[in-house]
Amino acid sequence: GGYVNRPGFWQGGIGVAACWYGGAT
């Protein structure tokens, strides 16, 4: 359960959002 129960899980999810932003630019 450590993979999802850590701060970095949600931080990594925003990293994907940064890629979506980059693709849009």
PDB file of all heavy atoms in Angstrom:
ATOM      1  N   GLY A   1       0.793  -1.232   0.000  1.00  0.00           N
ATOM      2  CA  GLY A   1       0.000   0.000   0.000  1.00  0.00           C
ATOM      3  C   GLY A   1       0.817   1.270   0.000  1.00  0.00           C
ATOM      4  O   GLY A   1       0.262   2.369  -0.111  1.00  0.00           O
ATOM      5  N   GLY A   2       2.138   1.149   0.100  1.00  0.00           N
ATOM      6  CA  GLY A   2       2.981   2.327   0.199  1.00  0.00           C
ATOM      7  C   GLY A   2       2.999   3.172  -1.054  1.00  0.00           C
ATOM      8  O   GLY A   2       3.208   4.396  -0.991  1.00  0.00           O
ATOM      9  N   TYR A   3       2.788   2.566  -2.217  1.00  0.00           N
ATOM     10  CA  TYR A   3       2.844   3.310  -3.469  1.00  0.00           C
ATOM     11  C   TYR A   3       1.789   4.406  -3.521  1.00  0.00           C
ATOM     12  O   TYR A   3       2.081   5.549  -3.910  1.00  0.00           O
ATOM     13  CB  TYR A   3       2.674   2.342  -4.645  1.00  0.00           C
ATOM     14  CG  TYR A   3       2.421   3.023  -5.956  1.00  0.00           C
ATOM     15  CD1 TYR A   3       3.402   3.817  -6.556  1.00  0.00           C
ATOM     16  CD2 TYR A   3       1.195   2.896  -6.615  1.00  0.00           C
ATOM     17  CE1 TYR A   3       3.172   4.457  -7.772  1.00  0.00           C
ATOM     18  CE2 TYR A   3       0.963   3.521  -7.823  1.00  0.00           C
ATOM     19  CZ  TYR A   3       1.939   4.303  -8.395  1.00  0.00           C
ATOM     20  OH  TYR A   3       1.707   4.938  -9.585  1.00  0.00           O
ATOM     21  N   VAL A   4       0.562   4.074  -3.115  1.00  0.00           N
ATOM     22  CA  VAL A   4      -0.511   5.074  -3.191  1.00  0.00           C
ATOM     23  C   VAL A   4      -0.615   5.903  -1.919  1.00  0.00           C
ATOM     24  O   VAL A   4      -1.108   7.038  -1.963  1.00  0.00           O
ATOM     25  CB  VAL A   4      -1.873   4.406  -3.498  1.00  0.00           C
ATOM     26  CG1 VAL A   4      -1.841   3.769  -4.873  1.00  0.00           C
ATOM     27  CG2 VAL A   4      -2.244   3.383  -2.442  1.00  0.00           C
ATOM     28  N   ASN A   5      -0.168   5.374  -0.808  1.00  0.00           N
ATOM     29  CA  ASN A   5      -0.300   6.085   0.470  1.00  0.00           C
ATOM     30  C   ASN A   5       0.963   6.878   0.784  1.00  0.00           C
ATOM     31  O   ASN A   5       1.616   6.680   1.810  1.00  0.00           O
ATOM     32  CB  ASN A   5      -0.597   5.090   1.595  1.00  0.00           C
ATOM     33  CG  ASN A   5      -1.921   4.390   1.395  1.00  0.00           C
ATOM     34  OD1 ASN A   5      -2.913   5.016   1.017  1.00  0.00           O
ATOM     35  ND2 ASN A   5      -1.948   3.084   1.638  1.00  0.00           N
ATOM     36  N   ARG A   6       1.302   7.793  -0.096  1.00  0.00           N
ATOM     37  CA  ARG A   6       2.508   8.608   0.066  1.00  0.00           C
ATOM     38  C   ARG A   6       2.263   9.950  -0.614  1.00  0.00           C
ATOM     39  O   ARG A   6       1.484  10.037  -1.578  1.00  0.00           O
ATOM     40  CB  ARG A   6       3.731   7.914  -0.564  1.00  0.00           C
ATOM     41  CG  ARG A   6       3.546   7.671  -2.050  1.00  0.00           C
ATOM     42  CD  ARG A   6       4.629   6.850  -2.717  1.00  0.00           C
ATOM     43  NE  ARG A   6       4.269   6.677  -4.115  1.00  0.00           N
ATOM     44  CZ  ARG A   6       4.615   7.488  -5.104  1.00  0.00           C
ATOM     45  NH1 ARG A   6       5.392   8.527  -4.852  1.00  0.00           N
ATOM     46  NH2 ARG A   6       4.216   7.270  -6.337  1.00  0.00           N
ATOM     47  N   PRO A   7       2.889  10.998  -0.148  1.00  0.00           N
ATOM     48  CA  PRO A   7       2.691  12.320  -0.769  1.00  0.00           C
ATOM     49  C   PRO A   7       3.050  12.331  -2.250  1.00  0.00           C
ATOM     50  O   PRO A   7       2.401  13.004  -3.056  1.00  0.00           O
ATOM     51  CB  PRO A   7       3.617  13.232   0.037  1.00  0.00           C
ATOM     52  CG  PRO A   7       3.801  12.544   1.340  1.00  0.00           C
ATOM     53  CD  PRO A   7       3.759  11.078   1.040  1.00  0.00           C
ATOM     54  N   GLY A   8       4.093  11.584  -2.620  1.00  0.00           N
ATOM     55  CA  GLY A   8       4.550  11.608  -3.996  1.00  0.00           C
ATOM     56  C   GLY A   8       3.561  11.058  -4.996  1.00  0.00           C
ATOM     57  O   GLY A   8       3.668  11.340  -6.200  1.00  0.00           O
ATOM     58  N   PHE A   9       2.594  10.268  -4.536  1.00  0.00           N
ATOM     59  CA  PHE A   9       1.587   9.745  -5.466  1.00  0.00           C
ATOM     60  C   PHE A   9       0.822  10.895  -6.104  1.00  0.00           C
ATOM     61  O   PHE A   9       0.629  10.930  -7.324  1.00  0.00           O
ATOM     62  CB  PHE A   9       0.625   8.817  -4.722  1.00  0.00           C
ATOM     63  CG  PHE A   9      -0.428   8.206  -5.608  1.00  0.00           C
ATOM     64  CD1 PHE A   9      -0.130   7.124  -6.418  1.00  0.00           C
ATOM     65  CD2 PHE A   9      -1.714   8.726  -5.641  1.00  0.00           C
ATOM     66  CE1 PHE A   9      -1.095   6.567  -7.247  1.00  0.00           C
ATOM     67  CE2 PHE A   9      -2.683   8.174  -6.457  1.00  0.00           C
ATOM     68  CZ  PHE A   9      -2.374   7.090  -7.268  1.00  0.00           C
ATOM     69  N   TRP A  10       0.399  11.839  -5.289  1.00  0.00           N
ATOM     70  CA  TRP A  10      -0.358  12.973  -5.812  1.00  0.00           C
ATOM     71  C   TRP A  10       0.552  13.989  -6.480  1.00  0.00           C
ATOM     72  O   TRP A  10       0.173  14.645  -7.450  1.00  0.00           O
ATOM     73  CB  TRP A  10      -1.166  13.605  -4.680  1.00  0.00           C
ATOM     74  CG  TRP A  10      -2.118  12.621  -4.100  1.00  0.00           C
ATOM     75  CD1 TRP A  10      -2.063  12.025  -2.870  1.00  0.00           C
ATOM     76  CD2 TRP A  10      -3.259  12.059  -4.755  1.00  0.00           C
ATOM     77  NE1 TRP A  10      -3.090  11.129  -2.725  1.00  0.00           N
ATOM     78  CE2 TRP A  10      -3.851  11.135  -3.861  1.00  0.00           C
ATOM     79  CE3 TRP A  10      -3.848  12.243  -6.014  1.00  0.00           C
ATOM     80  CZ2 TRP A  10      -4.988  10.404  -4.202  1.00  0.00           C
ATOM     81  CZ3 TRP A  10      -4.980  11.508  -6.345  1.00  0.00           C
ATOM     82  CH2 TRP A  10      -5.539  10.610  -5.436  1.00  0.00           C
ATOM     83  N   GLN A  11       1.774  14.109  -5.992  1.00  0.00           N
ATOM     84  CA  GLN A  11       2.730  14.997  -6.644  1.00  0.00           C
ATOM     85  C   GLN A  11       3.047  14.505  -8.054  1.00  0.00           C
ATOM     86  O   GLN A  11       3.146  15.292  -8.998  1.00  0.00           O
ATOM     87  CB  GLN A  11       3.994  15.081  -5.797  1.00  0.00           C
ATOM     88  CG  GLN A  11       3.773  15.722  -4.435  1.00  0.00           C
ATOM     89  CD  GLN A  11       4.908  15.496  -3.466  1.00  0.00           C
ATOM     90  OE1 GLN A  11       5.927  14.889  -3.818  1.00  0.00           O
ATOM     91  NE2 GLN A  11       4.758  15.949  -2.242  1.00  0.00           N
ATOM     92  N   GLY A  12       3.207  13.192  -8.202  1.00  0.00           N
ATOM     93  CA  GLY A  12       3.448  12.624  -9.523  1.00  0.00           C
ATOM     94  C   GLY A  12       2.269  12.817 -10.454  1.00  0.00           C
ATOM     95  O   GLY A  12       2.435  13.015 -11.667  1.00  0.00           O
ATOM     96  N   GLY A  13       1.055  12.772  -9.893  1.00  0.00           N
ATOM     97  CA  GLY A  13      -0.131  12.999 -10.719  1.00  0.00           C
ATOM     98  C   GLY A  13      -0.160  14.394 -11.314  1.00  0.00           C
ATOM     99  O   GLY A  13      -0.656  14.596 -12.436  1.00  0.00           O
ATOM    100  N   ILE A  14       0.383  15.365 -10.597  1.00  0.00           N
ATOM    101  CA  ILE A  14       0.450  16.721 -11.148  1.00  0.00           C
ATOM    102  C   ILE A  14       1.540  16.807 -12.206  1.00  0.00           C
ATOM    103  O   ILE A  14       1.444  17.603 -13.146  1.00  0.00           O
ATOM    104  CB  ILE A  14       0.679  17.759 -10.033  1.00  0.00           C
ATOM    105  CG1 ILE A  14      -0.385  17.619  -8.941  1.00  0.00           C
ATOM    106  CG2 ILE A  14       0.624  19.172 -10.609  1.00  0.00           C
ATOM    107  CD1 ILE A  14      -0.205  18.566  -7.771  1.00  0.00           C
ATOM    108  N   GLY A  15       2.571  15.968 -12.093  1.00  0.00           N
ATOM    109  CA  GLY A  15       3.579  15.911 -13.144  1.00  0.00           C
ATOM    110  C   GLY A  15       2.971  15.524 -14.479  1.00  0.00           C
ATOM    111  O   GLY A  15       3.352  16.048 -15.539  1.00  0.00           O
ATOM    112  N   VAL A  16       1.996  14.615 -14.448  1.00  0.00           N
ATOM    113  CA  VAL A  16       1.272  14.257 -15.668  1.00  0.00           C
ATOM    114  C   VAL A  16       0.508  15.466 -16.197  1.00  0.00           C
ATOM    115  O   VAL A  16       0.476  15.722 -17.409  1.00  0.00           O
ATOM    116  CB  VAL A  16       0.314  13.080 -15.407  1.00  0.00           C
ATOM    117  CG1 VAL A  16      -0.541  12.788 -16.632  1.00  0.00           C
ATOM    118  CG2 VAL A  16       1.101  11.833 -15.006  1.00  0.00           C
ATOM    119  N   ALA A  17      -0.102  16.221 -15.297  1.00  0.00           N
ATOM    120  CA  ALA A  17      -0.829  17.425 -15.707  1.00  0.00           C
ATOM    121  C   ALA A  17       0.098  18.427 -16.379  1.00  0.00           C
ATOM    122  O   ALA A  17      -0.283  19.108 -17.337  1.00  0.00           O
ATOM    123  CB  ALA A  17      -1.511  18.066 -14.493  1.00  0.00           C
ATOM    124  N   ALA A  18       1.341  18.516 -15.898  1.00  0.00           N
ATOM    125  CA  ALA A  18       2.320  19.408 -16.539  1.00  0.00           C
ATOM    126  C   ALA A  18       2.590  18.957 -17.967  1.00  0.00           C
ATOM    127  O   ALA A  18       2.782  19.784 -18.868  1.00  0.00           O
ATOM    128  CB  ALA A  18       3.614  19.436 -15.728  1.00  0.00           C
ATOM    129  N   CYS A  19       2.600  17.649 -18.178  1.00  0.00           N
ATOM    130  CA  CYS A  19       2.770  17.137 -19.547  1.00  0.00           C
ATOM    131  C   CYS A  19       1.567  17.480 -20.407  1.00  0.00           C
ATOM    132  O   CYS A  19       1.723  17.847 -21.581  1.00  0.00           O
ATOM    133  CB  CYS A  19       2.979  15.624 -19.511  1.00  0.00           C
ATOM    134  SG  CYS A  19       4.564  15.102 -18.820  1.00  0.00           S
ATOM    135  N   TRP A  20       0.373  17.360 -19.863  1.00  0.00           N
ATOM    136  CA  TRP A  20      -0.816  17.748 -20.630  1.00  0.00           C
ATOM    137  C   TRP A  20      -0.720  19.217 -21.028  1.00  0.00           C
ATOM    138  O   TRP A  20      -1.040  19.574 -22.172  1.00  0.00           O
ATOM    139  CB  TRP A  20      -2.086  17.531 -19.792  1.00  0.00           C
ATOM    140  CG  TRP A  20      -2.371  16.103 -19.464  1.00  0.00           C
ATOM    141  CD1 TRP A  20      -1.840  14.993 -20.061  1.00  0.00           C
ATOM    142  CD2 TRP A  20      -3.265  15.621 -18.455  1.00  0.00           C
ATOM    143  NE1 TRP A  20      -2.331  13.859 -19.475  1.00  0.00           N
ATOM    144  CE2 TRP A  20      -3.213  14.215 -18.496  1.00  0.00           C
ATOM    145  CE3 TRP A  20      -4.092  16.244 -17.520  1.00  0.00           C
ATOM    146  CZ2 TRP A  20      -3.978  13.425 -17.631  1.00  0.00           C
ATOM    147  CZ3 TRP A  20      -4.846  15.470 -16.661  1.00  0.00           C
ATOM    148  CH2 TRP A  20      -4.796  14.074 -16.723  1.00  0.00           C
ATOM    149  N   TYR A  21      -0.302  20.046 -20.090  1.00  0.00           N
ATOM    150  CA  TYR A  21      -0.115  21.471 -20.402  1.00  0.00           C
ATOM    151  C   TYR A  21       0.908  21.632 -21.530  1.00  0.00           C
ATOM    152  O   TYR A  21       0.687  22.401 -22.479  1.00  0.00           O
ATOM    153  CB  TYR A  21       0.337  22.221 -19.153  1.00  0.00           C
ATOM    154  CG  TYR A  21       0.867  23.603 -19.446  1.00  0.00           C
ATOM    155  CD1 TYR A  21       0.009  24.686 -19.549  1.00  0.00           C
ATOM    156  CD2 TYR A  21       2.234  23.817 -19.648  1.00  0.00           C
ATOM    157  CE1 TYR A  21       0.492  25.963 -19.836  1.00  0.00           C
ATOM    158  CE2 TYR A  21       2.720  25.078 -19.930  1.00  0.00           C
ATOM    159  CZ  TYR A  21       1.854  26.151 -20.030  1.00  0.00           C
ATOM    160  OH  TYR A  21       2.337  27.407 -20.330  1.00  0.00           O
ATOM    161  N   GLY A  22       2.019  20.929 -21.435  1.00  0.00           N
ATOM    162  CA  GLY A  22       3.047  21.037 -22.469  1.00  0.00           C
ATOM    163  C   GLY A  22       2.540  20.609 -23.828  1.00  0.00           C
ATOM    164  O   GLY A  22       2.825  21.251 -24.853  1.00  0.00           O
ATOM    165  N   GLY A  23       1.779  19.512 -23.862  1.00  0.00           N
ATOM    166  CA  GLY A  23       1.210  19.080 -25.135  1.00  0.00           C
ATOM    167  C   GLY A  23       0.279  20.117 -25.713  1.00  0.00           C
ATOM    168  O   GLY A  23       0.239  20.343 -26.932  1.00  0.00           O
ATOM    169  N   ALA A  24      -0.492  20.776 -24.843  1.00  0.00           N
ATOM    170  CA  ALA A  24      -1.413  21.815 -25.312  1.00  0.00           C
ATOM    171  C   ALA A  24      -0.668  23.009 -25.887  1.00  0.00           C
ATOM    172  O   ALA A  24      -1.105  23.613 -26.878  1.00  0.00           O
ATOM    173  CB  ALA A  24      -2.318  22.250 -24.158  1.00  0.00           C
ATOM    174  N   THR A  25       0.467  23.373 -25.290  1.00  0.00           N
ATOM    175  CA  THR A  25       1.236  24.489 -25.850  1.00  0.00           C
ATOM    176  C   THR A  25       1.767  24.130 -27.237  1.00  0.00           C
ATOM    177  O   THR A  25       1.870  25.001 -28.110  1.00  0.00           O
ATOM    178  CB  THR A  25       2.411  24.884 -24.936  1.00  0.00           C
ATOM    179  OG1 THR A  25       3.316  23.786 -24.786  1.00  0.00           O
ATOM    180  CG2 THR A  25       1.914  25.328 -23.570  1.00  0.00           C
TER     181      THR A  25
END
